[in-house]
């Protein structure tokens, strides 16, 4: 099986719903059971992409690589993993906001890129994870050395970064700056250079417990109400919906396998499946609920894995 990685960058907030909530939030988003990190199911990504390809490729190709709508005929020639959280925007008192992550997430990302044969594309990630300072138990926020004036505020004799309402100690780490530059070119392939430069300045590495708090409590929660058009009133009261905020970055592992049937009456292998998929890959999709409210628009890019053809660089 060949592998690639899809990068997903939220243009607008995403509601990847978990059904009816039992707490204050009526419509929560899907989260991992143990870490509470938000994610998007691979089946949702596959379904949205299949619809995007319907008008771009022949039905025979569509059924072969994505699987037929009648699922009992044969299986898909592609395997979509869940989209895991990589960077999440967090409000900052100075500078507006930051993109935040934590060592656990970076270690998980490293494991996936190794599976995909992409390690050589991320030498700066390896260097960052080799730093003793970021191992378990770290108590400081690491920032880009160039971000001191952008994010830090003087409080008495100290300087702090204030995320949400919490003043936190911050330390510059050059390896974080280098990793930010490395990963940004894979995330913002369809965007302006401005976002790439902003990401490099605003990437921060948080201790695990602080990141966990923000992931749980700093998502976007929006009240809404259903109005009866006949009376102009509501009998249901406010309902609260949770969203992954705009600028959230996720990634998912994608596998290409030998198809279970011929493509256009010609024998095909995993390279042919990958060729068709990559040729028509959309730069943007809409995923999750509330499309008519402008929610769920996501920018996409693909990082190609080793397959003997040198396809090991950022691709759109």
C-alpha atoms as a PDB file:
ATOM      1  CA  UNK A   1       0.000   0.000   0.000  1.00  0.00           C
ATOM      2  CA  UNK A   2       1.160   3.521  -0.850  1.00  0.00           C
ATOM      3  CA  UNK A   3       0.550   6.394   1.554  1.00  0.00           C
ATOM      4  CA  UNK A   4       0.038  10.141   1.506  1.00  0.00           C
ATOM      5  CA  UNK A   5      -1.073  12.640   4.132  1.00  0.00           C
ATOM      6  CA  UNK A   6      -3.920  15.097   3.648  1.00  0.00           C
ATOM      7  CA  UNK A   7      -3.568  18.411   5.479  1.00  0.00           C
ATOM      8  CA  UNK A   8      -6.829  20.176   6.396  1.00  0.00           C
ATOM      9  CA  UNK A   9      -6.857  23.878   7.260  1.00  0.00           C
ATOM     10  CA  UNK A  10     -10.194  25.267   8.494  1.00  0.00           C
ATOM     11  CA  UNK A  11     -11.210  28.394   6.585  1.00  0.00           C
ATOM     12  CA  UNK A  12     -14.441  28.706   8.577  1.00  0.00           C
ATOM     13  CA  UNK A  13     -15.498  27.009  11.840  1.00  0.00           C
ATOM     14  CA  UNK A  14     -16.307  23.279  11.545  1.00  0.00           C
ATOM     15  CA  UNK A  15     -19.142  21.460  13.271  1.00  0.00           C
ATOM     16  CA  UNK A  16     -18.265  17.775  13.065  1.00  0.00           C
ATOM     17  CA  UNK A  17     -21.116  16.755  15.291  1.00  0.00           C
ATOM     18  CA  UNK A  18     -21.306  14.027  17.924  1.00  0.00           C
ATOM     19  CA  UNK A  19     -25.107  14.116  18.127  1.00  0.00           C
ATOM     20  CA  UNK A  20     -27.093  15.456  21.035  1.00  0.00           C
ATOM     21  CA  UNK A  21     -25.024  16.514  24.039  1.00  0.00           C
ATOM     22  CA  UNK A  22     -25.868  15.755  27.647  1.00  0.00           C
ATOM     23  CA  UNK A  23     -24.284  18.894  29.125  1.00  0.00           C
ATOM     24  CA  UNK A  24     -24.502  22.617  28.503  1.00  0.00           C
ATOM     25  CA  UNK A  25     -23.583  22.225  24.823  1.00  0.00           C
ATOM     26  CA  UNK A  26     -26.522  20.779  22.881  1.00  0.00           C
ATOM     27  CA  UNK A  27     -24.504  19.940  19.750  1.00  0.00           C
ATOM     28  CA  UNK A  28     -20.910  19.040  20.715  1.00  0.00           C
ATOM     29  CA  UNK A  29     -18.153  18.075  18.294  1.00  0.00           C
ATOM     30  CA  UNK A  30     -16.594  14.613  18.083  1.00  0.00           C
ATOM     31  CA  UNK A  31     -13.653  14.058  20.434  1.00  0.00           C
ATOM     32  CA  UNK A  32     -11.238  11.264  21.250  1.00  0.00           C
ATOM     33  CA  UNK A  33     -12.384   9.339  24.322  1.00  0.00           C
ATOM     34  CA  UNK A  34      -9.034   9.424  26.193  1.00  0.00           C
ATOM     35  CA  UNK A  35      -7.357  12.716  25.211  1.00  0.00           C
ATOM     36  CA  UNK A  36     -10.523  14.749  24.495  1.00  0.00           C
ATOM     37  CA  UNK A  37      -8.809  16.039  21.333  1.00  0.00           C
ATOM     38  CA  UNK A  38     -11.273  16.919  18.536  1.00  0.00           C
ATOM     39  CA  UNK A  39     -11.040  14.935  15.320  1.00  0.00           C
ATOM     40  CA  UNK A  40     -12.920  14.332  12.063  1.00  0.00           C
ATOM     41  CA  UNK A  41     -13.891  10.798  11.089  1.00  0.00           C
ATOM     42  CA  UNK A  42     -12.190   9.370   8.027  1.00  0.00           C
ATOM     43  CA  UNK A  43     -15.573   8.220   6.713  1.00  0.00           C
ATOM     44  CA  UNK A  44     -16.749  11.852   6.643  1.00  0.00           C
ATOM     45  CA  UNK A  45     -13.681  12.949   4.663  1.00  0.00           C
ATOM     46  CA  UNK A  46     -14.069  10.058   2.247  1.00  0.00           C
ATOM     47  CA  UNK A  47     -17.767  10.795   1.687  1.00  0.00           C
ATOM     48  CA  UNK A  48     -17.227  14.495   1.002  1.00  0.00           C
ATOM     49  CA  UNK A  49     -14.337  13.818  -1.371  1.00  0.00           C
ATOM     50  CA  UNK A  50     -16.303  11.147  -3.236  1.00  0.00           C
ATOM     51  CA  UNK A  51     -19.062  13.670  -3.892  1.00  0.00           C
ATOM     52  CA  UNK A  52     -16.452  16.182  -5.087  1.00  0.00           C
ATOM     53  CA  UNK A  53     -15.092  13.634  -7.572  1.00  0.00           C
ATOM     54  CA  UNK A  54     -18.479  12.679  -9.072  1.00  0.00           C
ATOM     55  CA  UNK A  55     -18.342  15.457 -11.643  1.00  0.00           C
ATOM     56  CA  UNK A  56     -14.595  15.108 -12.267  1.00  0.00           C
ATOM     57  CA  UNK A  57     -14.031  11.430 -13.147  1.00  0.00           C
ATOM     58  CA  UNK A  58     -15.909   8.596 -14.839  1.00  0.00           C
ATOM     59  CA  UNK A  59     -18.313   6.524 -12.774  1.00  0.00           C
ATOM     60  CA  UNK A  60     -16.175   3.434 -13.329  1.00  0.00           C
ATOM     61  CA  UNK A  61     -13.156   5.215 -11.891  1.00  0.00           C
ATOM     62  CA  UNK A  62     -15.208   6.668  -9.028  1.00  0.00           C
ATOM     63  CA  UNK A  63     -16.648   3.284  -8.037  1.00  0.00           C
ATOM     64  CA  UNK A  64     -13.287   1.561  -8.302  1.00  0.00           C
ATOM     65  CA  UNK A  65     -11.204   3.929  -6.185  1.00  0.00           C
ATOM     66  CA  UNK A  66     -13.857   5.081  -3.665  1.00  0.00           C
ATOM     67  CA  UNK A  67     -16.007   1.960  -3.687  1.00  0.00           C
ATOM     68  CA  UNK A  68     -19.498   1.721  -5.244  1.00  0.00           C
ATOM     69  CA  UNK A  69     -22.531   3.298  -3.620  1.00  0.00           C
ATOM     70  CA  UNK A  70     -23.795  -0.278  -3.247  1.00  0.00           C
ATOM     71  CA  UNK A  71     -21.127  -1.192  -0.702  1.00  0.00           C
ATOM     72  CA  UNK A  72     -21.601  -4.952  -0.936  1.00  0.00           C
ATOM     73  CA  UNK A  73     -20.097  -5.213  -4.445  1.00  0.00           C
ATOM     74  CA  UNK A  74     -16.444  -4.563  -3.563  1.00  0.00           C
ATOM     75  CA  UNK A  75     -14.420  -2.381  -1.230  1.00  0.00           C
ATOM     76  CA  UNK A  76     -12.652   0.909  -1.876  1.00  0.00           C
ATOM     77  CA  UNK A  77      -9.086   1.081  -3.189  1.00  0.00           C
ATOM     78  CA  UNK A  78      -8.325   3.877  -0.716  1.00  0.00           C
ATOM     79  CA  UNK A  79      -8.200   3.912   3.081  1.00  0.00           C
ATOM     80  CA  UNK A  80      -8.952   7.190   4.889  1.00  0.00           C
ATOM     81  CA  UNK A  81      -7.735   7.614   8.452  1.00  0.00           C
ATOM     82  CA  UNK A  82      -9.361   9.986  10.915  1.00  0.00           C
ATOM     83  CA  UNK A  83      -8.188  13.599  10.726  1.00  0.00           C
ATOM     84  CA  UNK A  84      -6.247  14.277  13.933  1.00  0.00           C
ATOM     85  CA  UNK A  85      -5.621  17.665  15.498  1.00  0.00           C
ATOM     86  CA  UNK A  86      -2.225  19.235  14.750  1.00  0.00           C
ATOM     87  CA  UNK A  87      -2.556  22.959  15.557  1.00  0.00           C
ATOM     88  CA  UNK A  88      -5.396  24.848  17.214  1.00  0.00           C
ATOM     89  CA  UNK A  89      -5.816  28.639  17.367  1.00  0.00           C
ATOM     90  CA  UNK A  90      -5.937  30.093  20.886  1.00  0.00           C
ATOM     91  CA  UNK A  91      -6.731  33.710  21.764  1.00  0.00           C
ATOM     92  CA  UNK A  92      -3.765  35.822  22.864  1.00  0.00           C
ATOM     93  CA  UNK A  93      -4.067  39.149  24.698  1.00  0.00           C
ATOM     94  CA  UNK A  94      -1.209  40.508  22.612  1.00  0.00           C
ATOM     95  CA  UNK A  95      -0.974  39.629  18.945  1.00  0.00           C
ATOM     96  CA  UNK A  96      -4.567  38.433  18.637  1.00  0.00           C
ATOM     97  CA  UNK A  97      -4.064  34.671  18.601  1.00  0.00           C
ATOM     98  CA  UNK A  98      -1.510  31.896  18.327  1.00  0.00           C
ATOM     99  CA  UNK A  99      -1.438  28.455  16.727  1.00  0.00           C
ATOM    100  CA  UNK A 100      -0.917  26.042  19.623  1.00  0.00           C
ATOM    101  CA  UNK A 101       0.228  22.442  19.835  1.00  0.00           C
ATOM    102  CA  UNK A 102       1.785  20.139  22.435  1.00  0.00           C
ATOM    103  CA  UNK A 103       4.552  17.484  22.362  1.00  0.00           C
ATOM    104  CA  UNK A 104       2.116  14.550  22.409  1.00  0.00           C
ATOM    105  CA  UNK A 105       0.475  15.775  19.213  1.00  0.00           C
ATOM    106  CA  UNK A 106       3.858  16.256  17.521  1.00  0.00           C
ATOM    107  CA  UNK A 107       4.991  12.759  18.522  1.00  0.00           C
ATOM    108  CA  UNK A 108       1.779  11.333  17.081  1.00  0.00           C
ATOM    109  CA  UNK A 109       2.295  13.285  13.871  1.00  0.00           C
ATOM    110  CA  UNK A 110       5.859  11.996  13.625  1.00  0.00           C
ATOM    111  CA  UNK A 111       4.601   8.417  13.944  1.00  0.00           C
ATOM    112  CA  UNK A 112       2.171   8.946  11.060  1.00  0.00           C
ATOM    113  CA  UNK A 113       4.734  10.537   8.747  1.00  0.00           C
ATOM    114  CA  UNK A 114       7.057   7.619   9.423  1.00  0.00           C
ATOM    115  CA  UNK A 115       4.277   5.221   8.408  1.00  0.00           C
ATOM    116  CA  UNK A 116       3.792   7.229   5.216  1.00  0.00           C
ATOM    117  CA  UNK A 117       7.512   7.283   4.409  1.00  0.00           C
ATOM    118  CA  UNK A 118       7.704  11.044   4.820  1.00  0.00           C
ATOM    119  CA  UNK A 119      10.305  11.416   7.567  1.00  0.00           C
ATOM    120  CA  UNK A 120      12.874  12.962   5.246  1.00  0.00           C
ATOM    121  CA  UNK A 121      10.457  15.834   4.580  1.00  0.00           C
ATOM    122  CA  UNK A 122      10.492  16.799   8.267  1.00  0.00           C
ATOM    123  CA  UNK A 123      14.057  16.884   9.620  1.00  0.00           C
ATOM    124  CA  UNK A 124      13.244  19.943  11.737  1.00  0.00           C
ATOM    125  CA  UNK A 125      10.435  18.069  13.485  1.00  0.00           C
ATOM    126  CA  UNK A 126      12.908  15.369  14.449  1.00  0.00           C
ATOM    127  CA  UNK A 127      15.318  18.014  15.763  1.00  0.00           C
ATOM    128  CA  UNK A 128      12.539  19.684  17.766  1.00  0.00           C
ATOM    129  CA  UNK A 129      11.419  16.434  19.375  1.00  0.00           C
ATOM    130  CA  UNK A 130      15.021  15.648  20.310  1.00  0.00           C
ATOM    131  CA  UNK A 131      15.167  18.708  22.599  1.00  0.00           C
ATOM    132  CA  UNK A 132      15.208  17.694  26.259  1.00  0.00           C
ATOM    133  CA  UNK A 133      13.302  20.829  27.239  1.00  0.00           C
ATOM    134  CA  UNK A 134      10.049  19.677  25.619  1.00  0.00           C
ATOM    135  CA  UNK A 135       9.926  16.241  27.191  1.00  0.00           C
ATOM    136  CA  UNK A 136       7.158  15.368  29.633  1.00  0.00           C
ATOM    137  CA  UNK A 137       6.811  17.708  32.576  1.00  0.00           C
ATOM    138  CA  UNK A 138       7.682  20.947  30.806  1.00  0.00           C
ATOM    139  CA  UNK A 139       6.195  23.970  32.556  1.00  0.00           C
ATOM    140  CA  UNK A 140       6.846  26.781  30.090  1.00  0.00           C
ATOM    141  CA  UNK A 141       5.440  27.869  26.746  1.00  0.00           C
ATOM    142  CA  UNK A 142       7.925  27.745  23.884  1.00  0.00           C
ATOM    143  CA  UNK A 143       7.711  30.425  21.211  1.00  0.00           C
ATOM    144  CA  UNK A 144       9.522  31.519  18.083  1.00  0.00           C
ATOM    145  CA  UNK A 145      12.480  33.815  18.984  1.00  0.00           C
ATOM    146  CA  UNK A 146      11.113  36.414  16.549  1.00  0.00           C
ATOM    147  CA  UNK A 147       7.754  36.482  18.367  1.00  0.00           C
ATOM    148  CA  UNK A 148       8.925  38.162  21.576  1.00  0.00           C
ATOM    149  CA  UNK A 149       7.683  41.600  20.562  1.00  0.00           C
ATOM    150  CA  UNK A 150       4.534  40.203  18.959  1.00  0.00           C
ATOM    151  CA  UNK A 151       3.231  38.013  21.795  1.00  0.00           C
ATOM    152  CA  UNK A 152       4.906  38.889  25.095  1.00  0.00           C
ATOM    153  CA  UNK A 153       3.714  41.444  27.647  1.00  0.00           C
ATOM    154  CA  UNK A 154       5.762  42.942  30.494  1.00  0.00           C
ATOM    155  CA  UNK A 155       4.267  42.161  33.912  1.00  0.00           C
ATOM    156  CA  UNK A 156       6.437  43.694  36.617  1.00  0.00           C
ATOM    157  CA  UNK A 157       9.958  42.391  36.066  1.00  0.00           C
ATOM    158  CA  UNK A 158       8.756  39.431  34.013  1.00  0.00           C
ATOM    159  CA  UNK A 159       7.430  39.007  30.512  1.00  0.00           C
ATOM    160  CA  UNK A 160       4.492  36.696  29.929  1.00  0.00           C
ATOM    161  CA  UNK A 161       2.375  35.371  27.116  1.00  0.00           C
ATOM    162  CA  UNK A 162      -1.307  35.710  28.022  1.00  0.00           C
ATOM    163  CA  UNK A 163      -3.471  33.053  26.385  1.00  0.00           C
ATOM    164  CA  UNK A 164      -7.183  33.443  27.055  1.00  0.00           C
ATOM    165  CA  UNK A 165      -6.998  34.820  30.645  1.00  0.00           C
ATOM    166  CA  UNK A 166      -3.860  32.958  31.731  1.00  0.00           C
ATOM    167  CA  UNK A 167      -0.405  34.620  32.023  1.00  0.00           C
ATOM    168  CA  UNK A 168       2.238  32.001  31.220  1.00  0.00           C
ATOM    169  CA  UNK A 169       6.020  31.978  31.232  1.00  0.00           C
ATOM    170  CA  UNK A 170       7.527  31.786  27.755  1.00  0.00           C
ATOM    171  CA  UNK A 171      10.919  30.708  26.427  1.00  0.00           C
ATOM    172  CA  UNK A 172      12.317  31.132  22.934  1.00  0.00           C
ATOM    173  CA  UNK A 173      13.242  27.970  21.065  1.00  0.00           C
ATOM    174  CA  UNK A 174      14.965  28.222  17.681  1.00  0.00           C
ATOM    175  CA  UNK A 175      14.019  24.643  16.742  1.00  0.00           C
ATOM    176  CA  UNK A 176      10.352  25.620  16.980  1.00  0.00           C
ATOM    177  CA  UNK A 177      10.900  28.428  14.490  1.00  0.00           C
ATOM    178  CA  UNK A 178      12.608  26.043  12.077  1.00  0.00           C
ATOM    179  CA  UNK A 179       9.847  23.456  12.390  1.00  0.00           C
ATOM    180  CA  UNK A 180       7.203  26.155  11.841  1.00  0.00           C
ATOM    181  CA  UNK A 181       8.870  27.139   8.583  1.00  0.00           C
ATOM    182  CA  UNK A 182       9.123  23.482   7.577  1.00  0.00           C
ATOM    183  CA  UNK A 183       5.477  22.555   8.185  1.00  0.00           C
ATOM    184  CA  UNK A 184       3.952  25.841   6.944  1.00  0.00           C
ATOM    185  CA  UNK A 185       4.819  25.119   3.320  1.00  0.00           C
ATOM    186  CA  UNK A 186       2.683  21.962   3.469  1.00  0.00           C
ATOM    187  CA  UNK A 187      -0.300  23.630   5.162  1.00  0.00           C
ATOM    188  CA  UNK A 188      -0.658  26.865   3.195  1.00  0.00           C
ATOM    189  CA  UNK A 189       0.059  25.618  -0.327  1.00  0.00           C
ATOM    190  CA  UNK A 190      -3.164  27.217  -1.628  1.00  0.00           C
ATOM    191  CA  UNK A 191      -2.932  30.410   0.441  1.00  0.00           C
ATOM    192  CA  UNK A 192      -0.997  33.635   0.350  1.00  0.00           C
ATOM    193  CA  UNK A 193       2.538  33.952   1.675  1.00  0.00           C
ATOM    194  CA  UNK A 194       1.114  36.175   4.415  1.00  0.00           C
ATOM    195  CA  UNK A 195      -0.425  33.224   6.281  1.00  0.00           C
ATOM    196  CA  UNK A 196       2.822  31.281   6.050  1.00  0.00           C
ATOM    197  CA  UNK A 197       4.743  34.149   7.639  1.00  0.00           C
ATOM    198  CA  UNK A 198       2.103  34.665  10.329  1.00  0.00           C
ATOM    199  CA  UNK A 199       2.138  30.975  11.218  1.00  0.00           C
ATOM    200  CA  UNK A 200       5.920  31.002  11.631  1.00  0.00           C
ATOM    201  CA  UNK A 201       5.673  33.875  14.135  1.00  0.00           C
ATOM    202  CA  UNK A 202       2.639  32.578  16.027  1.00  0.00           C
ATOM    203  CA  UNK A 203       3.320  28.867  16.538  1.00  0.00           C
ATOM    204  CA  UNK A 204       3.633  28.010  20.253  1.00  0.00           C
ATOM    205  CA  UNK A 205       4.324  24.747  22.066  1.00  0.00           C
ATOM    206  CA  UNK A 206       2.263  24.297  25.236  1.00  0.00           C
ATOM    207  CA  UNK A 207       2.568  21.975  28.245  1.00  0.00           C
ATOM    208  CA  UNK A 208       0.152  19.046  27.995  1.00  0.00           C
ATOM    209  CA  UNK A 209      -2.238  20.107  30.764  1.00  0.00           C
ATOM    210  CA  UNK A 210      -2.520  23.673  29.465  1.00  0.00           C
ATOM    211  CA  UNK A 211      -3.165  22.505  25.908  1.00  0.00           C
ATOM    212  CA  UNK A 212      -5.773  20.035  27.179  1.00  0.00           C
ATOM    213  CA  UNK A 213      -7.582  22.873  28.965  1.00  0.00           C
ATOM    214  CA  UNK A 214      -7.725  25.034  25.834  1.00  0.00           C
ATOM    215  CA  UNK A 215      -8.832  22.118  23.648  1.00  0.00           C
ATOM    216  CA  UNK A 216     -11.691  21.484  26.061  1.00  0.00           C
ATOM    217  CA  UNK A 217     -12.750  25.043  26.892  1.00  0.00           C
ATOM    218  CA  UNK A 218     -11.533  27.321  24.066  1.00  0.00           C
ATOM    219  CA  UNK A 219     -13.524  25.949  21.146  1.00  0.00           C
ATOM    220  CA  UNK A 220     -16.184  28.155  19.569  1.00  0.00           C
ATOM    221  CA  UNK A 221     -19.666  27.794  21.105  1.00  0.00           C
ATOM    222  CA  UNK A 222     -22.483  29.575  19.279  1.00  0.00           C
ATOM    223  CA  UNK A 223     -26.094  30.009  20.511  1.00  0.00           C
ATOM    224  CA  UNK A 224     -28.875  29.584  17.980  1.00  0.00           C
ATOM    225  CA  UNK A 225     -32.656  29.578  18.082  1.00  0.00           C
ATOM    226  CA  UNK A 226     -35.313  28.153  15.772  1.00  0.00           C
ATOM    227  CA  UNK A 227     -38.093  30.588  14.921  1.00  0.00           C
ATOM    228  CA  UNK A 228     -41.556  29.371  13.975  1.00  0.00           C
ATOM    229  CA  UNK A 229     -42.360  31.304  10.759  1.00  0.00           C
ATOM    230  CA  UNK A 230     -46.079  31.243  11.575  1.00  0.00           C
ATOM    231  CA  UNK A 231     -45.780  32.911  14.983  1.00  0.00           C
ATOM    232  CA  UNK A 232     -42.386  34.596  14.809  1.00  0.00           C
ATOM    233  CA  UNK A 233     -41.506  33.069  18.165  1.00  0.00           C
ATOM    234  CA  UNK A 234     -39.661  30.030  19.475  1.00  0.00           C
ATOM    235  CA  UNK A 235     -40.837  27.347  21.870  1.00  0.00           C
ATOM    236  CA  UNK A 236     -37.454  25.608  22.143  1.00  0.00           C
ATOM    237  CA  UNK A 237     -35.222  28.320  23.606  1.00  0.00           C
ATOM    238  CA  UNK A 238     -31.531  28.690  22.869  1.00  0.00           C
ATOM    239  CA  UNK A 239     -29.460  25.749  21.670  1.00  0.00           C
ATOM    240  CA  UNK A 240     -25.667  25.811  21.793  1.00  0.00           C
ATOM    241  CA  UNK A 241     -23.493  24.396  19.020  1.00  0.00           C
ATOM    242  CA  UNK A 242     -19.760  23.735  19.312  1.00  0.00           C
ATOM    243  CA  UNK A 243     -17.319  24.337  16.460  1.00  0.00           C
ATOM    244  CA  UNK A 244     -13.662  23.794  15.762  1.00  0.00           C
ATOM    245  CA  UNK A 245     -12.467  27.375  15.217  1.00  0.00           C
ATOM    246  CA  UNK A 246     -11.272  28.741  11.896  1.00  0.00           C
ATOM    247  CA  UNK A 247      -7.508  28.248  11.350  1.00  0.00           C
ATOM    248  CA  UNK A 248      -7.523  24.836  13.062  1.00  0.00           C
ATOM    249  CA  UNK A 249      -5.107  22.469  11.274  1.00  0.00           C
ATOM    250  CA  UNK A 250      -5.632  18.709  11.103  1.00  0.00           C
ATOM    251  CA  UNK A 251      -4.061  15.838   9.162  1.00  0.00           C
ATOM    252  CA  UNK A 252      -5.103  12.357   8.082  1.00  0.00           C
ATOM    253  CA  UNK A 253      -3.273   9.324   6.718  1.00  0.00           C
ATOM    254  CA  UNK A 254      -4.406   8.146   3.294  1.00  0.00           C
ATOM    255  CA  UNK A 255      -3.617   4.725   1.833  1.00  0.00           C
ATOM    256  CA  UNK A 256      -3.758   3.604  -1.817  1.00  0.00           C
ATOM    257  CA  UNK A 257      -4.263  -0.100  -2.508  1.00  0.00           C
ATOM    258  CA  UNK A 258      -4.579  -2.275  -5.577  1.00  0.00           C
ATOM    259  CA  UNK A 259      -8.175  -1.946  -6.847  1.00  0.00           C
ATOM    260  CA  UNK A 260     -10.544  -4.913  -6.698  1.00  0.00           C
ATOM    261  CA  UNK A 261     -11.514  -4.480 -10.352  1.00  0.00           C
ATOM    262  CA  UNK A 262     -10.110  -3.044 -13.551  1.00  0.00           C
ATOM    263  CA  UNK A 263     -10.273   0.680 -14.274  1.00  0.00           C
ATOM    264  CA  UNK A 264     -11.784   1.489 -17.677  1.00  0.00           C
ATOM    265  CA  UNK A 265     -11.316  -2.183 -18.628  1.00  0.00           C
ATOM    266  CA  UNK A 266      -7.588  -1.923 -17.991  1.00  0.00           C
ATOM    267  CA  UNK A 267      -5.579  -3.666 -15.247  1.00  0.00           C
ATOM    268  CA  UNK A 268      -4.601  -1.159 -12.532  1.00  0.00           C
ATOM    269  CA  UNK A 269      -2.465  -1.021  -9.417  1.00  0.00           C
ATOM    270  CA  UNK A 270      -2.115   1.320  -6.445  1.00  0.00           C
ATOM    271  CA  UNK A 271      -0.046   3.788  -8.485  1.00  0.00           C
ATOM    272  CA  UNK A 272      -2.932   4.189 -10.932  1.00  0.00           C
ATOM    273  CA  UNK A 273      -5.366   4.773  -8.055  1.00  0.00           C
ATOM    274  CA  UNK A 274      -3.073   7.414  -6.609  1.00  0.00           C
ATOM    275  CA  UNK A 275      -2.639   9.069 -10.016  1.00  0.00           C
ATOM    276  CA  UNK A 276      -6.405   9.450 -10.520  1.00  0.00           C
ATOM    277  CA  UNK A 277      -6.930  10.716  -6.983  1.00  0.00           C
ATOM    278  CA  UNK A 278      -4.130  13.272  -7.129  1.00  0.00           C
ATOM    279  CA  UNK A 279      -4.983  14.549 -10.604  1.00  0.00           C
ATOM    280  CA  UNK A 280      -8.453  15.702  -9.525  1.00  0.00           C
ATOM    281  CA  UNK A 281      -7.767  16.519  -5.882  1.00  0.00           C
ATOM    282  CA  UNK A 282      -9.863  19.580  -4.878  1.00  0.00           C
ATOM    283  CA  UNK A 283      -8.181  22.554  -3.179  1.00  0.00           C
ATOM    284  CA  UNK A 284     -11.207  23.047  -0.875  1.00  0.00           C
ATOM    285  CA  UNK A 285     -14.176  21.100   0.480  1.00  0.00           C
ATOM    286  CA  UNK A 286     -17.081  21.666   2.852  1.00  0.00           C
ATOM    287  CA  UNK A 287     -17.363  19.178   5.710  1.00  0.00           C
ATOM    288  CA  UNK A 288     -19.691  18.873   8.670  1.00  0.00           C
ATOM    289  CA  UNK A 289     -23.018  20.538   9.398  1.00  0.00           C
ATOM    290  CA  UNK A 290     -24.339  24.076   8.852  1.00  0.00           C
ATOM    291  CA  UNK A 291     -23.145  24.504   5.267  1.00  0.00           C
ATOM    292  CA  UNK A 292     -25.875  27.098   4.630  1.00  0.00           C
ATOM    293  CA  UNK A 293     -24.417  29.136   7.515  1.00  0.00           C
ATOM    294  CA  UNK A 294     -21.014  29.194   5.850  1.00  0.00           C
ATOM    295  CA  UNK A 295     -19.511  26.621   8.203  1.00  0.00           C
ATOM    296  CA  UNK A 296     -17.125  23.777   7.466  1.00  0.00           C
ATOM    297  CA  UNK A 297     -15.097  25.148   4.552  1.00  0.00           C
ATOM    298  CA  UNK A 298     -11.650  23.573   4.577  1.00  0.00           C
ATOM    299  CA  UNK A 299      -8.526  24.134   2.523  1.00  0.00           C
ATOM    300  CA  UNK A 300      -6.719  20.940   1.496  1.00  0.00           C
ATOM    301  CA  UNK A 301      -3.238  19.909   0.443  1.00  0.00           C
ATOM    302  CA  UNK A 302      -1.515  16.562   0.037  1.00  0.00           C
ATOM    303  CA  UNK A 303       1.923  15.450   1.124  1.00  0.00           C
ATOM    304  CA  UNK A 304       2.989  12.579  -1.121  1.00  0.00           C
ATOM    305  CA  UNK A 305       4.739   9.535   0.331  1.00  0.00           C
ATOM    306  CA  UNK A 306       7.530   7.357  -1.002  1.00  0.00           C
ATOM    307  CA  UNK A 307       6.434   5.201  -3.923  1.00  0.00           C
ATOM    308  CA  UNK A 308       9.567   4.848  -5.996  1.00  0.00           C
ATOM    309  CA  UNK A 309       8.841   7.887  -8.174  1.00  0.00           C
ATOM    310  CA  UNK A 310      10.324  10.624  -6.010  1.00  0.00           C
ATOM    311  CA  UNK A 311       6.841  11.885  -5.062  1.00  0.00           C
ATOM    312  CA  UNK A 312       7.947  13.103  -1.658  1.00  0.00           C
ATOM    313  CA  UNK A 313       7.229  16.822  -1.638  1.00  0.00           C
ATOM    314  CA  UNK A 314       4.314  19.176  -0.970  1.00  0.00           C
ATOM    315  CA  UNK A 315       1.589  18.911  -3.587  1.00  0.00           C
ATOM    316  CA  UNK A 316      -1.719  20.670  -4.180  1.00  0.00           C
END
